[in-house]
N, C-alpha and C. Protein backbone atom coordinates (compact mmCIF):
# COMPACT_ATOMS: atom_id res chain seq x y z
N ALA A 1 146.91 66.80 -77.49
CA ALA A 1 146.02 66.10 -78.43
C ALA A 1 145.73 64.70 -77.93
N VAL A 2 144.62 64.16 -78.37
CA VAL A 2 144.22 62.80 -78.02
C VAL A 2 144.19 61.96 -79.30
N LEU A 3 144.81 60.81 -79.28
CA LEU A 3 144.77 59.89 -80.41
C LEU A 3 143.58 58.94 -80.24
N VAL A 4 142.65 58.95 -81.19
CA VAL A 4 141.50 58.05 -81.15
C VAL A 4 141.74 56.93 -82.16
N HIS A 5 141.69 55.69 -81.68
CA HIS A 5 141.93 54.53 -82.54
C HIS A 5 140.75 53.59 -82.44
N TYR A 6 140.21 53.19 -83.59
CA TYR A 6 139.10 52.24 -83.60
C TYR A 6 139.61 50.84 -83.87
N SER A 7 139.30 49.93 -82.96
CA SER A 7 139.71 48.54 -83.11
C SER A 7 138.47 47.68 -83.34
N THR A 8 138.57 46.38 -83.14
CA THR A 8 137.58 45.47 -83.67
C THR A 8 137.34 44.25 -82.79
N ASP A 9 136.22 43.58 -83.02
CA ASP A 9 135.92 42.31 -82.34
C ASP A 9 136.85 41.20 -82.82
N TYR A 10 137.54 41.40 -83.93
CA TYR A 10 138.42 40.37 -84.49
C TYR A 10 139.67 40.13 -83.64
N VAL A 11 139.89 40.95 -82.59
CA VAL A 11 141.04 40.67 -81.73
C VAL A 11 140.78 39.46 -80.84
N PHE A 12 139.52 39.01 -80.74
CA PHE A 12 139.16 37.83 -79.95
C PHE A 12 138.80 36.66 -80.86
N ASP A 13 138.91 35.45 -80.32
CA ASP A 13 138.58 34.28 -81.14
C ASP A 13 137.11 33.88 -81.05
N GLY A 14 136.35 34.52 -80.15
CA GLY A 14 134.92 34.26 -80.06
C GLY A 14 134.55 32.99 -79.33
N ALA A 15 135.49 32.39 -78.61
CA ALA A 15 135.23 31.13 -77.92
C ALA A 15 134.63 31.31 -76.53
N LYS A 16 134.64 32.51 -76.01
CA LYS A 16 134.11 32.76 -74.67
C LYS A 16 132.59 32.57 -74.65
N ASP A 17 132.06 32.06 -73.54
CA ASP A 17 130.62 31.83 -73.43
C ASP A 17 129.85 33.13 -73.28
N GLY A 18 130.39 34.09 -72.56
CA GLY A 18 129.68 35.34 -72.31
C GLY A 18 130.32 36.52 -73.02
N PRO A 19 129.84 37.74 -72.73
CA PRO A 19 130.40 38.93 -73.35
C PRO A 19 131.86 39.16 -72.96
N TYR A 20 132.64 39.67 -73.87
CA TYR A 20 134.05 39.96 -73.61
C TYR A 20 134.19 41.29 -72.86
N ILE A 21 135.15 41.33 -71.92
CA ILE A 21 135.52 42.57 -71.26
C ILE A 21 136.89 42.99 -71.76
N GLU A 22 137.27 44.22 -71.45
CA GLU A 22 138.50 44.78 -72.01
C GLU A 22 139.74 44.00 -71.61
N THR A 23 139.73 43.37 -70.45
CA THR A 23 140.93 42.68 -69.97
C THR A 23 141.01 41.21 -70.38
N ASP A 24 140.03 40.71 -71.12
CA ASP A 24 140.12 39.35 -71.63
C ASP A 24 141.30 39.21 -72.59
N SER A 25 141.93 38.05 -72.59
CA SER A 25 143.11 37.84 -73.43
C SER A 25 142.72 37.78 -74.91
N PRO A 26 143.30 38.65 -75.74
CA PRO A 26 143.03 38.61 -77.17
C PRO A 26 143.60 37.34 -77.80
N ARG A 27 142.93 36.87 -78.84
CA ARG A 27 143.40 35.70 -79.56
C ARG A 27 142.82 35.78 -80.99
N PRO A 28 143.43 36.58 -81.84
CA PRO A 28 142.88 36.80 -83.19
C PRO A 28 142.84 35.53 -84.02
N LEU A 29 141.82 35.43 -84.88
CA LEU A 29 141.67 34.29 -85.76
C LEU A 29 142.26 34.53 -87.15
N ASN A 30 142.53 35.79 -87.47
CA ASN A 30 143.01 36.09 -88.82
C ASN A 30 143.99 37.26 -88.80
N ILE A 31 144.56 37.56 -89.96
CA ILE A 31 145.58 38.60 -90.07
C ILE A 31 145.03 39.98 -89.73
N TYR A 32 143.80 40.24 -90.16
CA TYR A 32 143.19 41.54 -89.85
C TYR A 32 143.13 41.75 -88.34
N GLY A 33 142.61 40.76 -87.61
CA GLY A 33 142.53 40.87 -86.16
C GLY A 33 143.89 41.02 -85.51
N ALA A 34 144.88 40.28 -86.03
CA ALA A 34 146.24 40.36 -85.49
C ALA A 34 146.84 41.75 -85.71
N SER A 35 146.61 42.33 -86.88
CA SER A 35 147.16 43.65 -87.18
C SER A 35 146.48 44.73 -86.33
N LYS A 36 145.17 44.60 -86.10
CA LYS A 36 144.48 45.57 -85.25
C LYS A 36 144.98 45.46 -83.80
N LEU A 37 145.24 44.25 -83.35
CA LEU A 37 145.75 44.06 -82.01
C LEU A 37 147.14 44.69 -81.86
N GLU A 38 147.99 44.53 -82.88
CA GLU A 38 149.32 45.14 -82.85
C GLU A 38 149.19 46.66 -82.79
N GLY A 39 148.20 47.20 -83.50
CA GLY A 39 147.97 48.65 -83.44
C GLY A 39 147.61 49.10 -82.04
N GLU A 40 146.72 48.34 -81.40
CA GLU A 40 146.34 48.66 -80.02
C GLU A 40 147.57 48.70 -79.11
N LYS A 41 148.38 47.64 -79.21
CA LYS A 41 149.56 47.54 -78.34
C LYS A 41 150.54 48.68 -78.58
N ALA A 42 150.76 49.01 -79.84
CA ALA A 42 151.72 50.07 -80.16
C ALA A 42 151.28 51.41 -79.60
N ILE A 43 149.99 51.69 -79.70
CA ILE A 43 149.47 52.96 -79.19
C ILE A 43 149.58 53.02 -77.68
N ILE A 44 149.15 51.96 -77.00
CA ILE A 44 149.18 51.94 -75.54
C ILE A 44 150.62 52.01 -75.03
N GLU A 45 151.52 51.25 -75.66
CA GLU A 45 152.92 51.23 -75.21
C GLU A 45 153.64 52.55 -75.49
N SER A 46 153.14 53.33 -76.43
CA SER A 46 153.78 54.61 -76.74
C SER A 46 153.64 55.61 -75.60
N GLY A 47 152.61 55.40 -74.76
CA GLY A 47 152.39 56.31 -73.65
C GLY A 47 151.65 57.57 -74.02
N CYS A 48 151.21 57.70 -75.25
CA CYS A 48 150.48 58.90 -75.67
C CYS A 48 149.09 58.91 -75.05
N ARG A 49 148.46 60.05 -75.03
CA ARG A 49 147.10 60.20 -74.51
C ARG A 49 146.16 59.66 -75.57
N SER A 50 145.58 58.48 -75.32
CA SER A 50 144.85 57.80 -76.39
C SER A 50 143.51 57.26 -75.91
N LEU A 51 142.65 57.05 -76.87
CA LEU A 51 141.35 56.43 -76.66
C LEU A 51 141.23 55.31 -77.68
N VAL A 52 141.32 54.07 -77.21
CA VAL A 52 141.22 52.91 -78.08
C VAL A 52 139.81 52.33 -77.91
N LEU A 53 139.04 52.33 -78.98
CA LEU A 53 137.64 51.91 -78.93
C LEU A 53 137.44 50.66 -79.77
N ARG A 54 137.09 49.57 -79.12
CA ARG A 54 136.81 48.33 -79.85
C ARG A 54 135.32 48.28 -80.20
N THR A 55 135.04 48.25 -81.47
CA THR A 55 133.66 48.17 -81.91
C THR A 55 133.47 46.91 -82.74
N SER A 56 132.27 46.74 -83.32
CA SER A 56 132.03 45.52 -84.12
C SER A 56 130.79 45.69 -84.98
N TRP A 57 130.70 44.89 -86.02
CA TRP A 57 129.53 44.81 -86.90
C TRP A 57 129.07 46.20 -87.34
N VAL A 58 130.01 46.99 -87.83
CA VAL A 58 129.72 48.38 -88.19
C VAL A 58 128.95 48.45 -89.52
N TYR A 59 127.94 49.29 -89.56
CA TYR A 59 127.15 49.49 -90.77
C TYR A 59 126.68 50.94 -90.81
N GLY A 60 126.13 51.35 -91.95
CA GLY A 60 125.63 52.72 -92.08
C GLY A 60 124.84 52.90 -93.35
N LEU A 61 124.56 54.16 -93.67
CA LEU A 61 123.75 54.48 -94.84
C LEU A 61 124.52 54.32 -96.15
N HIS A 62 125.82 54.31 -96.08
CA HIS A 62 126.65 54.29 -97.28
C HIS A 62 127.67 53.16 -97.23
N GLY A 63 128.19 52.79 -98.39
CA GLY A 63 129.23 51.77 -98.45
C GLY A 63 128.65 50.36 -98.52
N GLN A 64 129.52 49.42 -98.76
CA GLN A 64 129.10 48.02 -98.89
C GLN A 64 129.13 47.30 -97.55
N ASN A 65 128.27 47.76 -96.64
CA ASN A 65 128.13 47.08 -95.36
C ASN A 65 126.87 46.21 -95.41
N PHE A 66 126.58 45.50 -94.36
CA PHE A 66 125.58 44.43 -94.38
C PHE A 66 124.19 44.82 -94.90
N PRO A 67 123.57 45.92 -94.45
CA PRO A 67 122.19 46.19 -94.87
C PRO A 67 122.00 46.41 -96.36
N LEU A 68 122.88 47.15 -97.02
CA LEU A 68 122.65 47.49 -98.42
C LEU A 68 122.69 46.27 -99.35
N PRO A 69 123.72 45.43 -99.31
CA PRO A 69 123.67 44.22 -100.13
C PRO A 69 122.51 43.30 -99.76
N MET A 70 122.17 43.24 -98.46
CA MET A 70 121.08 42.38 -98.03
C MET A 70 119.75 42.85 -98.59
N LEU A 71 119.54 44.15 -98.64
CA LEU A 71 118.32 44.70 -99.23
C LEU A 71 118.19 44.26 -100.69
N ARG A 72 119.30 44.30 -101.41
CA ARG A 72 119.28 43.90 -102.82
C ARG A 72 118.98 42.41 -102.96
N LEU A 73 119.66 41.59 -102.16
CA LEU A 73 119.47 40.14 -102.24
C LEU A 73 118.05 39.73 -101.88
N LEU A 74 117.47 40.39 -100.89
CA LEU A 74 116.11 40.06 -100.47
C LEU A 74 115.08 40.38 -101.54
N ARG A 75 115.41 41.32 -102.41
CA ARG A 75 114.51 41.68 -103.51
C ARG A 75 114.71 40.79 -104.73
N GLU A 76 115.96 40.39 -104.95
CA GLU A 76 116.28 39.72 -106.22
C GLU A 76 116.20 38.20 -106.16
N ARG A 77 116.31 37.61 -104.98
CA ARG A 77 116.35 36.16 -104.88
C ARG A 77 115.11 35.60 -104.19
N GLN A 78 114.89 34.32 -104.43
CA GLN A 78 113.79 33.64 -103.76
C GLN A 78 114.22 33.13 -102.38
N GLN A 79 115.51 32.90 -102.21
CA GLN A 79 116.03 32.42 -100.94
C GLN A 79 117.39 33.04 -100.67
N VAL A 80 117.60 33.47 -99.44
CA VAL A 80 118.88 34.04 -99.03
C VAL A 80 119.36 33.29 -97.79
N ASN A 81 120.56 32.72 -97.87
CA ASN A 81 121.16 32.00 -96.74
C ASN A 81 121.99 32.97 -95.90
N VAL A 82 121.72 33.01 -94.60
CA VAL A 82 122.41 33.96 -93.72
C VAL A 82 122.91 33.24 -92.48
N VAL A 83 124.15 33.54 -92.09
CA VAL A 83 124.78 32.89 -90.95
C VAL A 83 124.00 33.19 -89.66
N ALA A 84 123.72 32.14 -88.90
CA ALA A 84 122.92 32.28 -87.69
C ALA A 84 123.68 31.93 -86.41
N ASP A 85 124.93 31.47 -86.53
CA ASP A 85 125.66 31.07 -85.34
C ASP A 85 126.83 32.00 -85.01
N GLN A 86 126.80 33.21 -85.53
CA GLN A 86 127.72 34.27 -85.12
C GLN A 86 126.88 35.36 -84.46
N ILE A 87 127.26 35.75 -83.24
CA ILE A 87 126.45 36.66 -82.44
C ILE A 87 127.22 37.95 -82.13
N GLY A 88 126.54 39.07 -82.27
CA GLY A 88 127.17 40.36 -81.97
C GLY A 88 126.14 41.46 -81.90
N ALA A 89 126.61 42.69 -81.82
CA ALA A 89 125.74 43.85 -81.74
C ALA A 89 125.98 44.76 -82.94
N PRO A 90 125.08 44.75 -83.93
CA PRO A 90 125.23 45.71 -85.04
C PRO A 90 125.31 47.13 -84.49
N THR A 91 126.34 47.86 -84.91
CA THR A 91 126.59 49.20 -84.37
C THR A 91 126.81 50.16 -85.53
N SER A 92 125.99 51.18 -85.62
CA SER A 92 126.05 52.09 -86.77
C SER A 92 127.25 53.02 -86.67
N SER A 93 127.76 53.44 -87.82
CA SER A 93 128.87 54.39 -87.86
C SER A 93 128.45 55.73 -87.24
N ARG A 94 127.17 56.10 -87.40
CA ARG A 94 126.66 57.32 -86.80
C ARG A 94 126.75 57.25 -85.27
N MET A 95 126.33 56.11 -84.72
CA MET A 95 126.39 55.92 -83.27
C MET A 95 127.82 55.99 -82.76
N ILE A 96 128.75 55.38 -83.49
CA ILE A 96 130.15 55.40 -83.09
C ILE A 96 130.70 56.82 -83.09
N ALA A 97 130.39 57.58 -84.13
CA ALA A 97 130.87 58.96 -84.24
C ALA A 97 130.31 59.83 -83.12
N GLU A 98 129.01 59.71 -82.86
CA GLU A 98 128.39 60.53 -81.83
C GLU A 98 128.90 60.16 -80.43
N ALA A 99 129.07 58.86 -80.17
CA ALA A 99 129.58 58.43 -78.88
C ALA A 99 131.01 58.92 -78.66
N THR A 100 131.83 58.86 -79.71
CA THR A 100 133.21 59.34 -79.61
C THR A 100 133.24 60.82 -79.28
N ALA A 101 132.39 61.60 -79.95
CA ALA A 101 132.33 63.04 -79.70
C ALA A 101 131.89 63.33 -78.26
N GLN A 102 130.92 62.57 -77.76
CA GLN A 102 130.46 62.77 -76.38
C GLN A 102 131.57 62.48 -75.38
N ILE A 103 132.35 61.44 -75.65
CA ILE A 103 133.46 61.10 -74.74
C ILE A 103 134.50 62.21 -74.74
N LEU A 104 134.87 62.70 -75.92
CA LEU A 104 135.93 63.70 -76.03
C LEU A 104 135.51 65.05 -75.47
N ARG A 105 134.20 65.31 -75.42
CA ARG A 105 133.71 66.59 -74.88
C ARG A 105 133.71 66.63 -73.36
N GLN A 106 133.87 65.48 -72.72
CA GLN A 106 133.82 65.44 -71.27
C GLN A 106 135.04 66.12 -70.65
N GLN A 107 134.79 66.90 -69.61
CA GLN A 107 135.87 67.67 -68.98
C GLN A 107 136.91 66.76 -68.33
N GLN A 108 136.47 65.71 -67.67
CA GLN A 108 137.39 64.79 -67.02
C GLN A 108 137.59 63.57 -67.93
N PHE A 109 138.21 63.82 -69.05
CA PHE A 109 138.42 62.76 -70.04
C PHE A 109 139.41 61.73 -69.50
N GLN A 110 139.04 60.46 -69.63
CA GLN A 110 139.90 59.37 -69.14
C GLN A 110 140.41 58.54 -70.32
N PRO A 111 141.71 58.59 -70.61
CA PRO A 111 142.25 57.78 -71.70
C PRO A 111 142.16 56.29 -71.36
N GLY A 112 142.29 55.45 -72.38
CA GLY A 112 142.31 54.02 -72.13
C GLY A 112 141.66 53.22 -73.23
N LEU A 113 141.44 51.94 -72.94
CA LEU A 113 140.84 50.99 -73.88
C LEU A 113 139.41 50.70 -73.43
N PHE A 114 138.46 50.86 -74.36
CA PHE A 114 137.05 50.69 -74.02
C PHE A 114 136.32 49.95 -75.15
N HIS A 115 135.28 49.23 -74.77
CA HIS A 115 134.41 48.61 -75.76
C HIS A 115 133.30 49.59 -76.13
N LEU A 116 133.03 49.69 -77.42
CA LEU A 116 132.04 50.64 -77.91
C LEU A 116 131.12 49.95 -78.93
N THR A 117 130.04 49.37 -78.43
CA THR A 117 129.04 48.76 -79.31
C THR A 117 127.66 49.11 -78.79
N ALA A 118 126.66 48.92 -79.64
CA ALA A 118 125.28 49.08 -79.21
C ALA A 118 124.97 48.03 -78.15
N SER A 119 123.89 48.24 -77.41
CA SER A 119 123.50 47.24 -76.43
C SER A 119 122.69 46.13 -77.09
N GLY A 120 122.54 45.02 -76.37
CA GLY A 120 121.82 43.88 -76.93
C GLY A 120 122.70 43.12 -77.90
N HIS A 121 122.15 42.06 -78.49
CA HIS A 121 122.90 41.29 -79.49
C HIS A 121 121.92 40.50 -80.35
N THR A 122 122.42 40.06 -81.49
CA THR A 122 121.64 39.25 -82.42
C THR A 122 122.61 38.46 -83.29
N SER A 123 122.08 37.70 -84.22
CA SER A 123 122.90 37.01 -85.22
C SER A 123 122.77 37.75 -86.55
N TRP A 124 123.61 37.39 -87.52
CA TRP A 124 123.45 37.97 -88.86
C TRP A 124 122.07 37.61 -89.41
N HIS A 125 121.60 36.42 -89.09
CA HIS A 125 120.27 35.98 -89.52
C HIS A 125 119.19 36.87 -88.90
N GLY A 126 119.34 37.18 -87.61
CA GLY A 126 118.38 38.06 -86.95
C GLY A 126 118.40 39.46 -87.53
N PHE A 127 119.58 39.94 -87.87
CA PHE A 127 119.71 41.26 -88.48
C PHE A 127 119.03 41.27 -89.86
N ALA A 128 119.22 40.20 -90.62
CA ALA A 128 118.61 40.11 -91.95
C ALA A 128 117.08 40.09 -91.85
N LYS A 129 116.53 39.42 -90.84
CA LYS A 129 115.08 39.38 -90.68
C LYS A 129 114.53 40.78 -90.39
N LEU A 130 115.26 41.56 -89.61
CA LEU A 130 114.83 42.94 -89.36
C LEU A 130 114.88 43.75 -90.65
N ILE A 131 115.95 43.60 -91.41
CA ILE A 131 116.10 44.33 -92.68
C ILE A 131 114.96 44.00 -93.63
N SER A 132 114.50 42.75 -93.63
CA SER A 132 113.45 42.32 -94.55
C SER A 132 112.15 43.09 -94.35
N GLU A 133 111.94 43.64 -93.16
CA GLU A 133 110.72 44.40 -92.89
C GLU A 133 110.67 45.70 -93.69
N TYR A 134 111.80 46.13 -94.22
CA TYR A 134 111.87 47.42 -94.91
C TYR A 134 112.05 47.27 -96.42
N VAL A 135 111.79 46.08 -96.93
CA VAL A 135 111.89 45.84 -98.37
C VAL A 135 110.52 46.07 -99.01
N GLN A 136 110.49 46.94 -100.03
CA GLN A 136 109.23 47.26 -100.71
C GLN A 136 109.01 46.33 -101.90
N ALA A 137 108.98 45.06 -101.63
CA ALA A 137 108.79 44.07 -102.70
C ALA A 137 108.61 42.71 -102.02
N PRO A 138 108.19 41.70 -102.78
CA PRO A 138 108.15 40.34 -102.19
C PRO A 138 109.54 39.98 -101.66
N VAL A 139 109.60 39.46 -100.44
CA VAL A 139 110.87 39.23 -99.77
C VAL A 139 111.29 37.77 -99.90
N ALA A 140 112.56 37.57 -100.14
CA ALA A 140 113.11 36.22 -100.24
C ALA A 140 112.98 35.49 -98.90
N ARG A 141 112.94 34.18 -98.96
CA ARG A 141 112.94 33.37 -97.74
C ARG A 141 114.35 33.42 -97.14
N ILE A 142 114.44 33.73 -95.85
CA ILE A 142 115.72 33.86 -95.17
C ILE A 142 116.01 32.57 -94.42
N VAL A 143 117.05 31.87 -94.85
CA VAL A 143 117.36 30.55 -94.30
C VAL A 143 118.59 30.64 -93.40
N PRO A 144 118.48 30.20 -92.14
CA PRO A 144 119.64 30.22 -91.25
C PRO A 144 120.64 29.12 -91.61
N ILE A 145 121.92 29.47 -91.68
CA ILE A 145 122.97 28.49 -91.95
C ILE A 145 124.09 28.69 -90.93
N SER A 146 125.01 27.75 -90.87
CA SER A 146 126.16 27.87 -89.98
C SER A 146 127.29 28.61 -90.69
N ALA A 147 128.22 29.13 -89.92
CA ALA A 147 129.36 29.84 -90.50
C ALA A 147 130.18 28.91 -91.40
N ARG A 148 130.19 27.62 -91.08
CA ARG A 148 130.94 26.66 -91.90
C ARG A 148 130.36 26.53 -93.30
N GLU A 149 129.08 26.81 -93.43
CA GLU A 149 128.41 26.69 -94.72
C GLU A 149 128.56 27.94 -95.58
N TYR A 150 129.09 29.02 -94.98
CA TYR A 150 129.24 30.28 -95.71
C TYR A 150 130.68 30.42 -96.18
N PRO A 151 130.90 30.66 -97.48
CA PRO A 151 132.27 30.71 -98.02
C PRO A 151 132.97 32.04 -97.73
N ALA A 152 133.32 32.28 -96.48
CA ALA A 152 134.00 33.52 -96.11
C ALA A 152 135.50 33.41 -96.37
N ALA A 153 136.11 34.53 -96.74
CA ALA A 153 137.55 34.54 -97.03
C ALA A 153 138.38 34.41 -95.76
N ALA A 154 137.84 34.85 -94.63
CA ALA A 154 138.57 34.80 -93.37
C ALA A 154 137.64 34.35 -92.25
N ALA A 155 138.20 33.70 -91.26
CA ALA A 155 137.41 33.24 -90.11
C ALA A 155 136.97 34.42 -89.27
N ARG A 156 135.72 34.37 -88.80
CA ARG A 156 135.19 35.40 -87.92
C ARG A 156 134.89 34.78 -86.56
N PRO A 157 134.99 35.57 -85.48
CA PRO A 157 134.65 35.04 -84.16
C PRO A 157 133.15 34.73 -84.07
N ALA A 158 132.82 33.60 -83.46
CA ALA A 158 131.41 33.24 -83.31
C ALA A 158 130.71 34.11 -82.29
N ASN A 159 131.45 34.56 -81.30
CA ASN A 159 130.88 35.41 -80.25
C ASN A 159 131.57 36.76 -80.27
N SER A 160 130.81 37.79 -80.66
CA SER A 160 131.36 39.15 -80.68
C SER A 160 130.67 40.04 -79.65
N ARG A 161 130.01 39.42 -78.68
CA ARG A 161 129.34 40.21 -77.65
C ARG A 161 130.37 40.93 -76.77
N ARG A 162 130.04 42.16 -76.36
CA ARG A 162 130.94 42.97 -75.54
C ARG A 162 130.26 43.42 -74.26
N ASP A 163 131.00 43.39 -73.19
CA ASP A 163 130.57 43.99 -71.94
C ASP A 163 131.09 45.43 -71.95
N CYS A 164 130.17 46.39 -71.91
CA CYS A 164 130.56 47.80 -72.02
C CYS A 164 130.44 48.54 -70.68
N ALA A 165 130.45 47.80 -69.57
CA ALA A 165 130.28 48.40 -68.25
C ALA A 165 131.39 49.41 -67.94
N LYS A 166 132.60 49.15 -68.39
CA LYS A 166 133.71 50.07 -68.12
C LYS A 166 133.45 51.42 -68.77
N ARG A 167 132.98 51.41 -70.01
CA ARG A 167 132.67 52.67 -70.70
C ARG A 167 131.55 53.42 -69.98
N VAL A 168 130.51 52.69 -69.60
CA VAL A 168 129.38 53.31 -68.91
C VAL A 168 129.83 53.92 -67.59
N SER A 169 130.67 53.20 -66.84
CA SER A 169 131.15 53.68 -65.55
C SER A 169 132.03 54.91 -65.69
N CYS A 170 132.94 54.90 -66.66
CA CYS A 170 133.91 56.00 -66.81
C CYS A 170 133.29 57.25 -67.43
N PHE A 171 132.39 57.05 -68.39
CA PHE A 171 131.88 58.19 -69.15
C PHE A 171 130.38 58.43 -68.99
N ARG A 172 129.72 57.55 -68.19
CA ARG A 172 128.26 57.63 -68.05
C ARG A 172 127.59 57.67 -69.41
N LEU A 173 128.06 56.80 -70.29
CA LEU A 173 127.59 56.78 -71.67
C LEU A 173 127.03 55.41 -72.03
N SER A 174 125.70 55.31 -72.02
CA SER A 174 125.02 54.08 -72.44
C SER A 174 124.53 54.28 -73.88
N LEU A 175 124.62 53.23 -74.68
CA LEU A 175 124.17 53.31 -76.06
C LEU A 175 122.86 52.55 -76.24
N PRO A 176 122.03 52.97 -77.20
CA PRO A 176 120.74 52.32 -77.41
C PRO A 176 120.87 50.86 -77.83
N HIS A 177 119.77 50.15 -77.72
CA HIS A 177 119.70 48.77 -78.21
C HIS A 177 119.95 48.77 -79.71
N TRP A 178 120.64 47.77 -80.20
CA TRP A 178 121.01 47.71 -81.62
C TRP A 178 119.79 47.82 -82.52
N GLU A 179 118.66 47.21 -82.11
CA GLU A 179 117.48 47.21 -82.98
C GLU A 179 116.87 48.59 -83.12
N VAL A 180 116.89 49.39 -82.04
CA VAL A 180 116.36 50.75 -82.10
C VAL A 180 117.15 51.57 -83.12
N GLU A 181 118.47 51.49 -83.03
CA GLU A 181 119.32 52.24 -83.96
C GLU A 181 119.16 51.72 -85.39
N ALA A 182 119.11 50.41 -85.55
CA ALA A 182 118.99 49.83 -86.88
C ALA A 182 117.68 50.24 -87.55
N ARG A 183 116.61 50.25 -86.80
CA ARG A 183 115.33 50.66 -87.37
C ARG A 183 115.37 52.11 -87.85
N GLY A 184 116.07 52.96 -87.11
CA GLY A 184 116.21 54.35 -87.55
C GLY A 184 116.96 54.46 -88.87
N ILE A 185 118.05 53.70 -89.00
CA ILE A 185 118.84 53.72 -90.23
C ILE A 185 118.03 53.12 -91.39
N LEU A 186 117.37 52.00 -91.14
CA LEU A 186 116.60 51.35 -92.19
C LEU A 186 115.41 52.21 -92.62
N GLN A 187 114.83 52.95 -91.69
CA GLN A 187 113.72 53.83 -92.05
C GLN A 187 114.19 54.94 -92.98
N LYS A 188 115.41 55.44 -92.75
CA LYS A 188 115.96 56.47 -93.63
C LYS A 188 116.13 55.91 -95.04
N LEU A 189 116.60 54.67 -95.14
CA LEU A 189 116.73 54.03 -96.45
C LEU A 189 115.35 53.84 -97.09
N HIS A 190 114.39 53.46 -96.27
CA HIS A 190 113.02 53.27 -96.75
C HIS A 190 112.44 54.58 -97.29
N ASP A 191 112.70 55.69 -96.58
CA ASP A 191 112.18 56.99 -96.99
C ASP A 191 112.79 57.47 -98.29
N LYS A 192 113.96 56.92 -98.63
CA LYS A 192 114.62 57.30 -99.88
C LYS A 192 114.36 56.25 -100.98
N SER A 193 113.29 55.51 -100.84
CA SER A 193 113.02 54.39 -101.75
C SER A 193 112.86 54.81 -103.20
N SER A 194 112.55 56.07 -103.45
CA SER A 194 112.38 56.53 -104.83
C SER A 194 113.70 57.03 -105.42
N GLN A 195 114.76 56.96 -104.61
CA GLN A 195 116.06 57.43 -105.07
C GLN A 195 117.05 56.28 -105.11
N SER A 196 118.14 56.45 -105.78
CA SER A 196 119.20 55.46 -105.78
C SER A 196 120.06 55.68 -104.56
N VAL A 197 120.20 54.64 -103.71
CA VAL A 197 120.95 54.74 -102.48
C VAL A 197 122.13 53.76 -102.55
N GLY A 198 123.32 54.30 -102.58
CA GLY A 198 124.49 53.43 -102.63
C GLY A 198 124.49 52.52 -103.86
N GLY A 199 123.91 53.02 -104.98
CA GLY A 199 123.87 52.22 -106.20
C GLY A 199 122.71 51.24 -106.24
N LEU A 200 121.83 51.26 -105.23
CA LEU A 200 120.72 50.33 -105.17
C LEU A 200 119.41 51.10 -105.23
N ARG A 201 118.38 50.50 -105.82
CA ARG A 201 117.05 51.08 -105.76
C ARG A 201 116.19 50.13 -104.96
N LEU A 202 115.69 50.62 -103.83
CA LEU A 202 114.95 49.77 -102.91
C LEU A 202 113.54 49.49 -103.44
């Protein structure tokens, strides 16, 4: 059997200028990141056949992830403040699931630690601007703010960009640009505009 473990961008402090690679030294900013890092270490040190996948900015059609609350806020408010100085690659849960399945189906499966995110990058503010294109109502003004101005319960890394060359080299698996995938997900929400989606009516 193969143990598949999903980890997070929170294992890094986000201080690096460029994209993180798998061998960069982790430095978590909060308890969540520290606990995920301990999980990574325990799995790798156990010697079991494992696949540790670090992903980030996960969203999808269901649950309280970034797009659904943002759709509501863009409809209900005249102004929405969104963090613009945190950078990463929004990666859908569907993309993560399909990529994992493709890796596990390969005959010459290679265990190890890999980064698994969509290609490209943006800010939360950039993601919100894309989401606003799919709102069927007058859209709130989207104002860029700094992370310091946003009352978050825990510190997040400013830089969540990942270098995924190791994954591409080992599995020949490239993932689409984040915007291509996001537009597909947002279009599905748009097509269901006459229905209640995740407790929201678009």
